[in-house]
Amino acid sequence: MSTDLSRLYRSLAADVPAEALDRPETLRAGADRRARRRAATVTVAVALLVAGTVTGVGVLANGPDPAPPPPAASPTATPSPTATPSRPAGPPSAGPPTAPRPSPPATGSGSPGTPHGRPAPTTIPDRAFFAQPAGTAWIQPPQFSTDGIDPPPCGGRRPGGVLAQRTRDVIFKSPDAPPEMVPAGTAEQTIYSLAPGRADGYLRWLRQAVPACPSWTDGNGRHRQRATRQSGYGDAALLVELRTPDQAESGSGGSWYVTLVWWVRVGDVLTVLRVSGWEGTSADPQVADDYADRAARAIRAWLG
């Protein structure tokens, strides 16, 4: 304790009895005890504060897992990458579109057009030609070409609008003739596939052209022709009889041999069947009619 405090106690003792006051040593001891208690209190408070801080850090370090974050909002639906993209528009046409060719009308009542309204064919197969009767085929096989027929006489013309044409030549014999016998004749058949309406138009023209040219002359002499029938097979038909002078008997006053020509239309297909006798003999009318009927049925079956 300071000297000032001792001096104050001595002054106070002069006024108050000594036993009534504590001695300075006693007061110093109490003051020291109070100072120690304050220091201990501060120490404990600091220890508690440090302990709380450490505990809090431990709780934060070892506490339960934090709550999961809220789910992200669903993005706007987009097309699947595997979805098939729409087809881009094609390039512009190099020119104006081509109008489709109209189908020819059906031929149920004999009007032009292929059966069932189908377009006229552009190829002609073997099966489109007529089948020879059994036992009449000659040993030489049929001959095919694309030559077509000669134009009709008197400045005539071939059919127009041809999409396809094919010709077959056959040699036939009588059914009961032995193989070593000479043939009975020849049959030349040409098939034309024509543009819609052309077959019908050409056949109509022939019906006028044949009577307008009853005869003509060439290097083989004077020829004659006439239309003998105006129908018979297919959708429309015309039979023309051609008479040619017989060169072997030209000096005897006008011998002739006859060739029969059938023009038969089935829809827009026109066939020409020329039947001749063998080596200057006349054609058999029954054979010509049978072949014309077979030709019409074969074409109709081919066209379906």
C-alpha atoms as a PDB file:
ATOM      1  CA  MET A   1       0.000   0.000   0.000  1.00  0.00           C
ATOM      2  CA  SER A   2       1.273   3.535  -0.697  1.00  0.00           C
ATOM      3  CA  THR A   3       2.741   5.876   1.941  1.00  0.00           C
ATOM      4  CA  ASP A   4      -0.187   8.231   1.418  1.00  0.00           C
ATOM      5  CA  LEU A   5      -2.577   5.567   2.652  1.00  0.00           C
ATOM      6  CA  SER A   6      -0.514   4.928   5.815  1.00  0.00           C
ATOM      7  CA  ARG A   7      -0.424   8.590   6.518  1.00  0.00           C
ATOM      8  CA  LEU A   8      -4.212   8.780   6.141  1.00  0.00           C
ATOM      9  CA  TYR A   9      -4.657   5.879   8.566  1.00  0.00           C
ATOM     10  CA  ARG A  10      -2.461   7.513  11.167  1.00  0.00           C
ATOM     11  CA  SER A  11      -4.471  10.711  10.829  1.00  0.00           C
ATOM     12  CA  LEU A  12      -7.722   8.822  11.186  1.00  0.00           C
ATOM     13  CA  ALA A  13      -6.489   6.933  14.191  1.00  0.00           C
ATOM     14  CA  ALA A  14      -6.042  10.146  16.004  1.00  0.00           C
ATOM     15  CA  ASP A  15      -9.772  10.706  15.829  1.00  0.00           C
ATOM     16  CA  VAL A  16     -11.115   7.098  16.091  1.00  0.00           C
ATOM     17  CA  PRO A  17     -10.112   4.334  18.503  1.00  0.00           C
ATOM     18  CA  ALA A  18      -7.556   1.943  17.095  1.00  0.00           C
ATOM     19  CA  GLU A  19      -9.527  -1.192  17.728  1.00  0.00           C
ATOM     20  CA  ALA A  20     -12.419   0.064  15.691  1.00  0.00           C
ATOM     21  CA  LEU A  21     -10.393   0.071  12.469  1.00  0.00           C
ATOM     22  CA  ASP A  22      -8.785  -2.772  10.515  1.00  0.00           C
ATOM     23  CA  ARG A  23      -5.091  -2.768  10.345  1.00  0.00           C
ATOM     24  CA  PRO A  24      -3.436  -1.805   7.041  1.00  0.00           C
ATOM     25  CA  GLU A  25      -2.051  -5.340   6.540  1.00  0.00           C
ATOM     26  CA  THR A  26      -5.571  -6.679   6.824  1.00  0.00           C
ATOM     27  CA  LEU A  27      -6.817  -4.283   4.227  1.00  0.00           C
ATOM     28  CA  ARG A  28      -3.936  -5.137   1.920  1.00  0.00           C
ATOM     29  CA  ALA A  29      -4.704  -8.836   2.212  1.00  0.00           C
ATOM     30  CA  GLY A  30      -8.379  -8.249   1.331  1.00  0.00           C
ATOM     31  CA  ALA A  31      -7.468  -6.075  -1.586  1.00  0.00           C
ATOM     32  CA  ASP A  32      -5.119  -8.745  -2.907  1.00  0.00           C
ATOM     33  CA  ARG A  33      -7.853 -11.381  -2.542  1.00  0.00           C
ATOM     34  CA  ARG A  34     -10.302  -9.217  -4.469  1.00  0.00           C
ATOM     35  CA  ALA A  35      -7.710  -8.640  -7.201  1.00  0.00           C
ATOM     36  CA  ARG A  36      -7.052 -12.372  -7.470  1.00  0.00           C
ATOM     37  CA  ARG A  37     -10.794 -13.062  -7.701  1.00  0.00           C
ATOM     38  CA  ARG A  38     -11.204 -10.521 -10.483  1.00  0.00           C
ATOM     39  CA  ALA A  39      -8.247 -12.023 -12.326  1.00  0.00           C
ATOM     40  CA  ALA A  40      -9.660 -15.517 -11.881  1.00  0.00           C
ATOM     41  CA  THR A  41     -13.069 -14.353 -13.075  1.00  0.00           C
ATOM     42  CA  VAL A  42     -11.550 -12.786 -16.144  1.00  0.00           C
ATOM     43  CA  THR A  43      -9.519 -15.925 -16.807  1.00  0.00           C
ATOM     44  CA  VAL A  44     -12.577 -18.170 -16.505  1.00  0.00           C
ATOM     45  CA  ALA A  45     -14.581 -15.879 -18.784  1.00  0.00           C
ATOM     46  CA  VAL A  46     -11.831 -15.928 -21.358  1.00  0.00           C
ATOM     47  CA  ALA A  47     -11.583 -19.712 -21.082  1.00  0.00           C
ATOM     48  CA  LEU A  48     -15.342 -20.082 -21.493  1.00  0.00           C
ATOM     49  CA  LEU A  49     -15.298 -17.769 -24.491  1.00  0.00           C
ATOM     50  CA  VAL A  50     -12.472 -19.729 -26.111  1.00  0.00           C
ATOM     51  CA  ALA A  51     -14.186 -23.017 -25.318  1.00  0.00           C
ATOM     52  CA  GLY A  52     -17.449 -21.781 -26.836  1.00  0.00           C
ATOM     53  CA  THR A  53     -15.670 -20.635 -29.935  1.00  0.00           C
ATOM     54  CA  VAL A  54     -13.937 -23.973 -30.361  1.00  0.00           C
ATOM     55  CA  THR A  55     -17.184 -25.833 -29.722  1.00  0.00           C
ATOM     56  CA  GLY A  56     -18.987 -23.737 -32.282  1.00  0.00           C
ATOM     57  CA  VAL A  57     -16.293 -24.399 -34.834  1.00  0.00           C
ATOM     58  CA  GLY A  58     -16.525 -28.112 -34.133  1.00  0.00           C
ATOM     59  CA  VAL A  59     -20.265 -28.069 -34.540  1.00  0.00           C
ATOM     60  CA  LEU A  60     -19.910 -26.273 -37.819  1.00  0.00           C
ATOM     61  CA  ALA A  61     -17.224 -28.673 -38.950  1.00  0.00           C
ATOM     62  CA  ASN A  62     -18.938 -31.891 -37.851  1.00  0.00           C
ATOM     63  CA  GLY A  63     -22.595 -30.923 -38.011  1.00  0.00           C
ATOM     64  CA  PRO A  64     -25.262 -32.560 -40.316  1.00  0.00           C
ATOM     65  CA  ASP A  65     -25.012 -32.247 -44.106  1.00  0.00           C
ATOM     66  CA  PRO A  66     -26.503 -29.061 -45.417  1.00  0.00           C
ATOM     67  CA  ALA A  67     -29.870 -29.312 -47.092  1.00  0.00           C
ATOM     68  CA  PRO A  68     -29.601 -30.093 -50.867  1.00  0.00           C
ATOM     69  CA  PRO A  69     -30.090 -27.116 -53.136  1.00  0.00           C
ATOM     70  CA  PRO A  70     -33.505 -26.771 -54.710  1.00  0.00           C
ATOM     71  CA  PRO A  71     -33.874 -28.515 -58.115  1.00  0.00           C
ATOM     72  CA  ALA A  72     -33.135 -26.368 -61.095  1.00  0.00           C
ATOM     73  CA  ALA A  73     -36.088 -25.252 -63.121  1.00  0.00           C
ATOM     74  CA  SER A  74     -36.812 -27.518 -66.100  1.00  0.00           C
ATOM     75  CA  PRO A  75     -35.548 -25.958 -69.328  1.00  0.00           C
ATOM     76  CA  THR A  76     -37.925 -25.343 -72.140  1.00  0.00           C
ATOM     77  CA  ALA A  77     -38.515 -28.574 -74.086  1.00  0.00           C
ATOM     78  CA  THR A  78     -36.435 -28.739 -77.246  1.00  0.00           C
ATOM     79  CA  PRO A  79     -36.740 -31.222 -80.154  1.00  0.00           C
ATOM     80  CA  SER A  80     -34.793 -34.415 -79.697  1.00  0.00           C
ATOM     81  CA  PRO A  81     -31.443 -34.328 -81.501  1.00  0.00           C
ATOM     82  CA  THR A  82     -32.382 -37.600 -83.103  1.00  0.00           C
ATOM     83  CA  ALA A  83     -35.644 -36.275 -84.481  1.00  0.00           C
ATOM     84  CA  THR A  84     -35.792 -36.342 -88.256  1.00  0.00           C
ATOM     85  CA  PRO A  85     -35.492 -32.826 -89.602  1.00  0.00           C
ATOM     86  CA  SER A  86     -38.051 -31.664 -92.044  1.00  0.00           C
ATOM     87  CA  ARG A  87     -37.041 -32.181 -95.687  1.00  0.00           C
ATOM     88  CA  PRO A  88     -35.854 -28.960 -97.269  1.00  0.00           C
ATOM     89  CA  ALA A  89     -37.622 -27.760-100.298  1.00  0.00           C
ATOM     90  CA  GLY A  90     -36.086 -28.979-103.522  1.00  0.00           C
ATOM     91  CA  PRO A  91     -34.370 -26.719-106.007  1.00  0.00           C
ATOM     92  CA  PRO A  92     -36.547 -24.828-108.420  1.00  0.00           C
ATOM     93  CA  SER A  93     -37.386 -26.617-111.588  1.00  0.00           C
ATOM     94  CA  ALA A  94     -35.215 -25.879-114.576  1.00  0.00           C
ATOM     95  CA  GLY A  95     -38.288 -25.126-116.618  1.00  0.00           C
ATOM     96  CA  PRO A  96     -42.061 -25.145-116.478  1.00  0.00           C
ATOM     97  CA  PRO A  97     -43.550 -28.409-115.162  1.00  0.00           C
ATOM     98  CA  THR A  98     -44.506 -30.939-117.759  1.00  0.00           C
ATOM     99  CA  ALA A  99     -48.193 -31.665-117.826  1.00  0.00           C
ATOM    100  CA  PRO A 100     -48.954 -35.361-117.288  1.00  0.00           C
ATOM    101  CA  ARG A 101     -50.130 -37.190-120.333  1.00  0.00           C
ATOM    102  CA  PRO A 102     -53.835 -37.963-119.992  1.00  0.00           C
ATOM    103  CA  SER A 103     -54.759 -41.611-119.955  1.00  0.00           C
ATOM    104  CA  PRO A 104     -56.702 -42.736-123.003  1.00  0.00           C
ATOM    105  CA  PRO A 105     -60.334 -43.669-122.438  1.00  0.00           C
ATOM    106  CA  ALA A 106     -61.357 -47.239-121.796  1.00  0.00           C
ATOM    107  CA  THR A 107     -62.359 -49.389-124.727  1.00  0.00           C
ATOM    108  CA  GLY A 108     -65.298 -51.274-123.308  1.00  0.00           C
ATOM    109  CA  SER A 109     -67.570 -49.927-126.053  1.00  0.00           C
ATOM    110  CA  GLY A 110     -64.989 -49.830-128.810  1.00  0.00           C
ATOM    111  CA  SER A 111     -63.677 -46.309-128.065  1.00  0.00           C
ATOM    112  CA  PRO A 112     -59.936 -45.516-128.420  1.00  0.00           C
ATOM    113  CA  GLY A 113     -57.582 -46.240-125.541  1.00  0.00           C
ATOM    114  CA  THR A 114     -56.007 -49.285-123.967  1.00  0.00           C
ATOM    115  CA  PRO A 115     -58.198 -51.548-121.832  1.00  0.00           C
ATOM    116  CA  HIS A 116     -58.860 -50.246-118.303  1.00  0.00           C
ATOM    117  CA  GLY A 117     -57.683 -46.772-119.364  1.00  0.00           C
ATOM    118  CA  ARG A 118     -53.982 -47.663-119.152  1.00  0.00           C
ATOM    119  CA  PRO A 119     -51.415 -45.696-121.170  1.00  0.00           C
ATOM    120  CA  ALA A 120     -50.334 -47.161-124.486  1.00  0.00           C
ATOM    121  CA  PRO A 121     -47.232 -49.375-124.103  1.00  0.00           C
ATOM    122  CA  THR A 122     -43.803 -48.372-125.337  1.00  0.00           C
ATOM    123  CA  THR A 123     -42.450 -51.884-125.893  1.00  0.00           C
ATOM    124  CA  ILE A 124     -43.928 -54.872-127.719  1.00  0.00           C
ATOM    125  CA  PRO A 125     -43.083 -58.341-126.407  1.00  0.00           C
ATOM    126  CA  ASP A 126     -43.212 -61.638-128.296  1.00  0.00           C
ATOM    127  CA  ARG A 127     -46.445 -62.627-126.594  1.00  0.00           C
ATOM    128  CA  ALA A 128     -48.247 -59.704-128.223  1.00  0.00           C
ATOM    129  CA  PHE A 129     -48.153 -61.614-131.544  1.00  0.00           C
ATOM    130  CA  PHE A 130     -50.684 -64.304-132.418  1.00  0.00           C
ATOM    131  CA  ALA A 131     -49.885 -67.961-131.788  1.00  0.00           C
ATOM    132  CA  GLN A 132     -49.957 -70.202-134.834  1.00  0.00           C
ATOM    133  CA  PRO A 133     -52.388 -73.114-134.772  1.00  0.00           C
ATOM    134  CA  ALA A 134     -50.907 -76.406-133.680  1.00  0.00           C
ATOM    135  CA  GLY A 135     -49.153 -78.277-136.441  1.00  0.00           C
ATOM    136  CA  THR A 136     -48.955 -75.327-138.854  1.00  0.00           C
ATOM    137  CA  ALA A 137     -45.557 -73.807-137.953  1.00  0.00           C
ATOM    138  CA  TRP A 138     -42.896 -74.279-140.585  1.00  0.00           C
ATOM    139  CA  ILE A 139     -39.404 -75.480-139.689  1.00  0.00           C
ATOM    140  CA  GLN A 140     -37.982 -71.965-140.075  1.00  0.00           C
ATOM    141  CA  PRO A 141     -38.454 -69.961-136.831  1.00  0.00           C
ATOM    142  CA  PRO A 142     -40.262 -66.589-136.869  1.00  0.00           C
ATOM    143  CA  GLN A 143     -38.233 -63.562-137.882  1.00  0.00           C
ATOM    144  CA  PHE A 144     -38.554 -60.289-135.926  1.00  0.00           C
ATOM    145  CA  SER A 145     -37.699 -56.765-137.030  1.00  0.00           C
ATOM    146  CA  THR A 146     -38.663 -53.148-136.438  1.00  0.00           C
ATOM    147  CA  ASP A 147     -39.073 -52.223-140.096  1.00  0.00           C
ATOM    148  CA  GLY A 148     -42.846 -51.885-140.093  1.00  0.00           C
ATOM    149  CA  ILE A 149     -45.052 -52.141-143.170  1.00  0.00           C
ATOM    150  CA  ASP A 150     -44.725 -50.399-146.490  1.00  0.00           C
ATOM    151  CA  PRO A 151     -46.951 -47.342-146.859  1.00  0.00           C
ATOM    152  CA  PRO A 152     -50.249 -47.920-148.621  1.00  0.00           C
ATOM    153  CA  PRO A 153     -50.288 -47.255-152.390  1.00  0.00           C
ATOM    154  CA  CYS A 154     -51.336 -44.048-154.118  1.00  0.00           C
ATOM    155  CA  GLY A 155     -49.281 -41.736-151.911  1.00  0.00           C
ATOM    156  CA  GLY A 156     -50.438 -43.289-148.646  1.00  0.00           C
ATOM    157  CA  ARG A 157     -48.692 -42.797-145.329  1.00  0.00           C
ATOM    158  CA  ARG A 158     -47.709 -44.912-142.367  1.00  0.00           C
ATOM    159  CA  PRO A 159     -49.406 -44.453-138.989  1.00  0.00           C
ATOM    160  CA  GLY A 160     -48.314 -41.399-137.006  1.00  0.00           C
ATOM    161  CA  GLY A 161     -47.704 -40.983-133.282  1.00  0.00           C
ATOM    162  CA  VAL A 162     -45.836 -44.289-133.047  1.00  0.00           C
ATOM    163  CA  LEU A 163     -44.691 -45.137-129.505  1.00  0.00           C
ATOM    164  CA  ALA A 164     -43.427 -48.597-130.445  1.00  0.00           C
ATOM    165  CA  GLN A 165     -43.534 -50.908-133.456  1.00  0.00           C
ATOM    166  CA  ARG A 166     -42.419 -54.447-134.184  1.00  0.00           C
ATOM    167  CA  THR A 167     -42.845 -56.902-137.055  1.00  0.00           C
ATOM    168  CA  ARG A 168     -42.830 -60.691-137.171  1.00  0.00           C
ATOM    169  CA  ASP A 169     -42.754 -62.921-140.292  1.00  0.00           C
ATOM    170  CA  VAL A 170     -43.836 -66.553-140.071  1.00  0.00           C
ATOM    171  CA  ILE A 171     -44.123 -69.344-142.602  1.00  0.00           C
ATOM    172  CA  PHE A 172     -47.023 -71.712-142.170  1.00  0.00           C
ATOM    173  CA  LYS A 173     -48.086 -74.997-143.697  1.00  0.00           C
ATOM    174  CA  SER A 174     -51.319 -76.925-143.854  1.00  0.00           C
ATOM    175  CA  PRO A 175     -52.060 -78.816-140.630  1.00  0.00           C
ATOM    176  CA  ASP A 176     -52.114 -82.220-142.337  1.00  0.00           C
ATOM    177  CA  ALA A 177     -49.114 -81.604-144.615  1.00  0.00           C
ATOM    178  CA  PRO A 178     -45.926 -83.619-143.940  1.00  0.00           C
ATOM    179  CA  PRO A 179     -42.803 -81.627-143.024  1.00  0.00           C
ATOM    180  CA  GLU A 180     -41.186 -82.212-146.402  1.00  0.00           C
ATOM    181  CA  MET A 181     -44.078 -80.533-148.211  1.00  0.00           C
ATOM    182  CA  VAL A 182     -43.763 -76.958-149.394  1.00  0.00           C
ATOM    183  CA  PRO A 183     -45.259 -74.249-147.129  1.00  0.00           C
ATOM    184  CA  ALA A 184     -48.800 -73.026-147.626  1.00  0.00           C
ATOM    185  CA  GLY A 185     -47.985 -69.347-147.262  1.00  0.00           C
ATOM    186  CA  THR A 186     -46.557 -66.533-145.202  1.00  0.00           C
ATOM    187  CA  ALA A 187     -48.006 -64.169-142.599  1.00  0.00           C
ATOM    188  CA  GLU A 188     -46.430 -60.821-141.856  1.00  0.00           C
ATOM    189  CA  GLN A 189     -47.745 -59.057-138.731  1.00  0.00           C
ATOM    190  CA  THR A 190     -46.773 -55.575-137.638  1.00  0.00           C
ATOM    191  CA  ILE A 191     -47.936 -54.176-134.278  1.00  0.00           C
ATOM    192  CA  TYR A 192     -48.025 -50.428-133.657  1.00  0.00           C
ATOM    193  CA  SER A 193     -48.499 -48.844-130.234  1.00  0.00           C
ATOM    194  CA  LEU A 194     -49.769 -45.355-131.007  1.00  0.00           C
ATOM    195  CA  ALA A 195     -50.477 -42.148-129.140  1.00  0.00           C
ATOM    196  CA  PRO A 196     -54.062 -41.802-127.883  1.00  0.00           C
ATOM    197  CA  GLY A 197     -56.554 -41.569-130.745  1.00  0.00           C
ATOM    198  CA  ARG A 198     -54.005 -42.161-133.508  1.00  0.00           C
ATOM    199  CA  ALA A 199     -54.981 -45.795-134.172  1.00  0.00           C
ATOM    200  CA  ASP A 200     -58.638 -44.913-134.529  1.00  0.00           C
ATOM    201  CA  GLY A 201     -57.832 -41.914-136.737  1.00  0.00           C
ATOM    202  CA  TYR A 202     -55.590 -43.916-139.036  1.00  0.00           C
ATOM    203  CA  LEU A 203     -58.153 -46.657-139.494  1.00  0.00           C
ATOM    204  CA  ARG A 204     -60.788 -44.062-140.383  1.00  0.00           C
ATOM    205  CA  TRP A 205     -58.429 -42.568-142.933  1.00  0.00           C
ATOM    206  CA  LEU A 206     -57.837 -46.002-144.510  1.00  0.00           C
ATOM    207  CA  ARG A 207     -61.557 -46.540-144.962  1.00  0.00           C
ATOM    208  CA  GLN A 208     -61.566 -43.490-147.226  1.00  0.00           C
ATOM    209  CA  ALA A 209     -58.146 -43.925-148.847  1.00  0.00           C
ATOM    210  CA  VAL A 210     -58.648 -47.475-150.137  1.00  0.00           C
ATOM    211  CA  PRO A 211     -61.809 -46.731-152.201  1.00  0.00           C
ATOM    212  CA  ALA A 212     -60.117 -43.550-153.446  1.00  0.00           C
ATOM    213  CA  CYS A 213     -57.273 -45.618-154.936  1.00  0.00           C
ATOM    214  CA  PRO A 214     -58.803 -48.702-156.593  1.00  0.00           C
ATOM    215  CA  SER A 215     -55.749 -49.364-158.796  1.00  0.00           C
ATOM    216  CA  TRP A 216     -52.163 -48.280-159.486  1.00  0.00           C
ATOM    217  CA  THR A 217     -49.268 -49.359-161.679  1.00  0.00           C
ATOM    218  CA  ASP A 218     -45.649 -50.141-160.792  1.00  0.00           C
ATOM    219  CA  GLY A 219     -42.831 -52.242-162.218  1.00  0.00           C
ATOM    220  CA  ASN A 220     -44.817 -55.441-161.689  1.00  0.00           C
ATOM    221  CA  GLY A 221     -47.845 -54.233-163.634  1.00  0.00           C
ATOM    222  CA  ARG A 222     -51.230 -52.935-162.693  1.00  0.00           C
ATOM    223  CA  HIS A 223     -52.519 -53.657-159.162  1.00  0.00           C
ATOM    224  CA  ARG A 224     -55.957 -53.430-157.694  1.00  0.00           C
ATOM    225  CA  GLN A 225     -57.362 -53.108-154.185  1.00  0.00           C
ATOM    226  CA  ARG A 226     -60.730 -52.970-152.516  1.00  0.00           C
ATOM    227  CA  ALA A 227     -62.142 -53.008-149.001  1.00  0.00           C
ATOM    228  CA  THR A 228     -64.206 -56.158-148.555  1.00  0.00           C
ATOM    229  CA  ARG A 229     -65.135 -55.925-144.836  1.00  0.00           C
ATOM    230  CA  GLN A 230     -65.396 -53.037-142.440  1.00  0.00           C
ATOM    231  CA  SER A 231     -65.355 -54.920-139.130  1.00  0.00           C
ATOM    232  CA  GLY A 232     -64.932 -58.331-137.620  1.00  0.00           C
ATOM    233  CA  TYR A 233     -62.208 -58.360-134.915  1.00  0.00           C
ATOM    234  CA  GLY A 234     -60.933 -56.199-132.097  1.00  0.00           C
ATOM    235  CA  ASP A 235     -62.526 -52.806-131.459  1.00  0.00           C
ATOM    236  CA  ALA A 236     -62.503 -51.953-135.164  1.00  0.00           C
ATOM    237  CA  ALA A 237     -61.163 -53.639-138.292  1.00  0.00           C
ATOM    238  CA  LEU A 238     -60.805 -53.383-142.053  1.00  0.00           C
ATOM    239  CA  LEU A 239     -60.086 -56.171-144.569  1.00  0.00           C
ATOM    240  CA  VAL A 240     -58.401 -55.125-147.812  1.00  0.00           C
ATOM    241  CA  GLU A 241     -58.026 -57.422-150.799  1.00  0.00           C
ATOM    242  CA  LEU A 242     -54.956 -56.802-152.978  1.00  0.00           C
ATOM    243  CA  ARG A 243     -54.787 -58.253-156.468  1.00  0.00           C
ATOM    244  CA  THR A 244     -51.384 -58.539-158.126  1.00  0.00           C
ATOM    245  CA  PRO A 245     -50.839 -59.677-161.734  1.00  0.00           C
ATOM    246  CA  ASP A 246     -49.331 -63.134-162.075  1.00  0.00           C
ATOM    247  CA  GLN A 247     -46.067 -62.576-163.904  1.00  0.00           C
ATOM    248  CA  ALA A 248     -45.849 -66.238-164.937  1.00  0.00           C
ATOM    249  CA  GLU A 249     -49.135 -65.967-166.821  1.00  0.00           C
ATOM    250  CA  SER A 250     -48.968 -62.346-167.887  1.00  0.00           C
ATOM    251  CA  GLY A 251     -49.358 -63.235-171.548  1.00  0.00           C
ATOM    252  CA  SER A 252     -52.556 -65.188-171.058  1.00  0.00           C
ATOM    253  CA  GLY A 253     -54.798 -62.221-170.473  1.00  0.00           C
ATOM    254  CA  GLY A 254     -54.682 -61.159-166.834  1.00  0.00           C
ATOM    255  CA  SER A 255     -54.272 -63.790-164.151  1.00  0.00           C
ATOM    256  CA  TRP A 256     -54.141 -62.537-160.552  1.00  0.00           C
ATOM    257  CA  TYR A 257     -53.140 -63.780-157.154  1.00  0.00           C
ATOM    258  CA  VAL A 258     -54.732 -62.385-154.027  1.00  0.00           C
ATOM    259  CA  THR A 259     -53.149 -61.112-150.826  1.00  0.00           C
ATOM    260  CA  LEU A 260     -55.399 -60.427-147.831  1.00  0.00           C
ATOM    261  CA  VAL A 261     -54.558 -57.604-145.408  1.00  0.00           C
ATOM    262  CA  TRP A 262     -56.346 -57.222-142.078  1.00  0.00           C
ATOM    263  CA  TRP A 263     -56.125 -53.947-140.155  1.00  0.00           C
ATOM    264  CA  VAL A 264     -57.287 -54.533-136.578  1.00  0.00           C
ATOM    265  CA  ARG A 265     -57.430 -51.993-133.772  1.00  0.00           C
ATOM    266  CA  VAL A 266     -57.483 -52.828-130.052  1.00  0.00           C
ATOM    267  CA  GLY A 267     -57.517 -49.603-128.066  1.00  0.00           C
ATOM    268  CA  ASP A 268     -54.555 -47.531-129.236  1.00  0.00           C
ATOM    269  CA  VAL A 269     -52.756 -50.552-130.630  1.00  0.00           C
ATOM    270  CA  LEU A 270     -53.067 -51.187-134.361  1.00  0.00           C
ATOM    271  CA  THR A 271     -51.935 -54.396-136.013  1.00  0.00           C
ATOM    272  CA  VAL A 272     -51.535 -55.086-139.734  1.00  0.00           C
ATOM    273  CA  LEU A 273     -51.720 -58.726-140.774  1.00  0.00           C
ATOM    274  CA  ARG A 274     -50.704 -59.498-144.358  1.00  0.00           C
ATOM    275  CA  VAL A 275     -51.403 -63.107-145.415  1.00  0.00           C
ATOM    276  CA  SER A 276     -50.016 -64.362-148.748  1.00  0.00           C
ATOM    277  CA  GLY A 277     -49.951 -67.713-150.549  1.00  0.00           C
ATOM    278  CA  TRP A 278     -46.668 -69.454-151.205  1.00  0.00           C
ATOM    279  CA  GLU A 279     -44.747 -68.335-154.307  1.00  0.00           C
ATOM    280  CA  GLY A 280     -47.425 -66.523-156.245  1.00  0.00           C
ATOM    281  CA  THR A 281     -50.487 -68.382-154.986  1.00  0.00           C
ATOM    282  CA  SER A 282     -53.504 -66.721-153.438  1.00  0.00           C
ATOM    283  CA  ALA A 283     -54.099 -66.534-149.681  1.00  0.00           C
ATOM    284  CA  ASP A 284     -56.684 -68.748-148.018  1.00  0.00           C
ATOM    285  CA  PRO A 285     -59.479 -66.473-146.639  1.00  0.00           C
ATOM    286  CA  GLN A 286     -60.170 -68.878-143.742  1.00  0.00           C
ATOM    287  CA  VAL A 287     -56.527 -68.783-142.666  1.00  0.00           C
ATOM    288  CA  ALA A 288     -56.507 -64.980-142.876  1.00  0.00           C
ATOM    289  CA  ASP A 289     -59.672 -64.710-140.743  1.00  0.00           C
ATOM    290  CA  ASP A 290     -58.336 -67.174-138.161  1.00  0.00           C
ATOM    291  CA  TYR A 291     -55.057 -65.273-137.858  1.00  0.00           C
ATOM    292  CA  ALA A 292     -56.890 -61.950-137.508  1.00  0.00           C
ATOM    293  CA  ASP A 293     -59.004 -63.348-134.687  1.00  0.00           C
ATOM    294  CA  ARG A 294     -55.912 -64.783-132.973  1.00  0.00           C
ATOM    295  CA  ALA A 295     -54.066 -61.497-133.395  1.00  0.00           C
ATOM    296  CA  ALA A 296     -56.853 -59.454-131.784  1.00  0.00           C
ATOM    297  CA  ARG A 297     -57.142 -61.835-128.828  1.00  0.00           C
ATOM    298  CA  ALA A 298     -53.359 -61.934-128.289  1.00  0.00           C
ATOM    299  CA  ILE A 299     -53.146 -58.139-128.196  1.00  0.00           C
ATOM    300  CA  ARG A 300     -56.072 -57.829-125.829  1.00  0.00           C
ATOM    301  CA  ALA A 301     -54.535 -60.420-123.497  1.00  0.00           C
ATOM    302  CA  TRP A 302     -51.192 -58.607-123.634  1.00  0.00           C
ATOM    303  CA  LEU A 303     -52.765 -55.249-122.791  1.00  0.00           C
ATOM    304  CA  GLY A 304     -54.647 -56.882-119.933  1.00  0.00           C
END
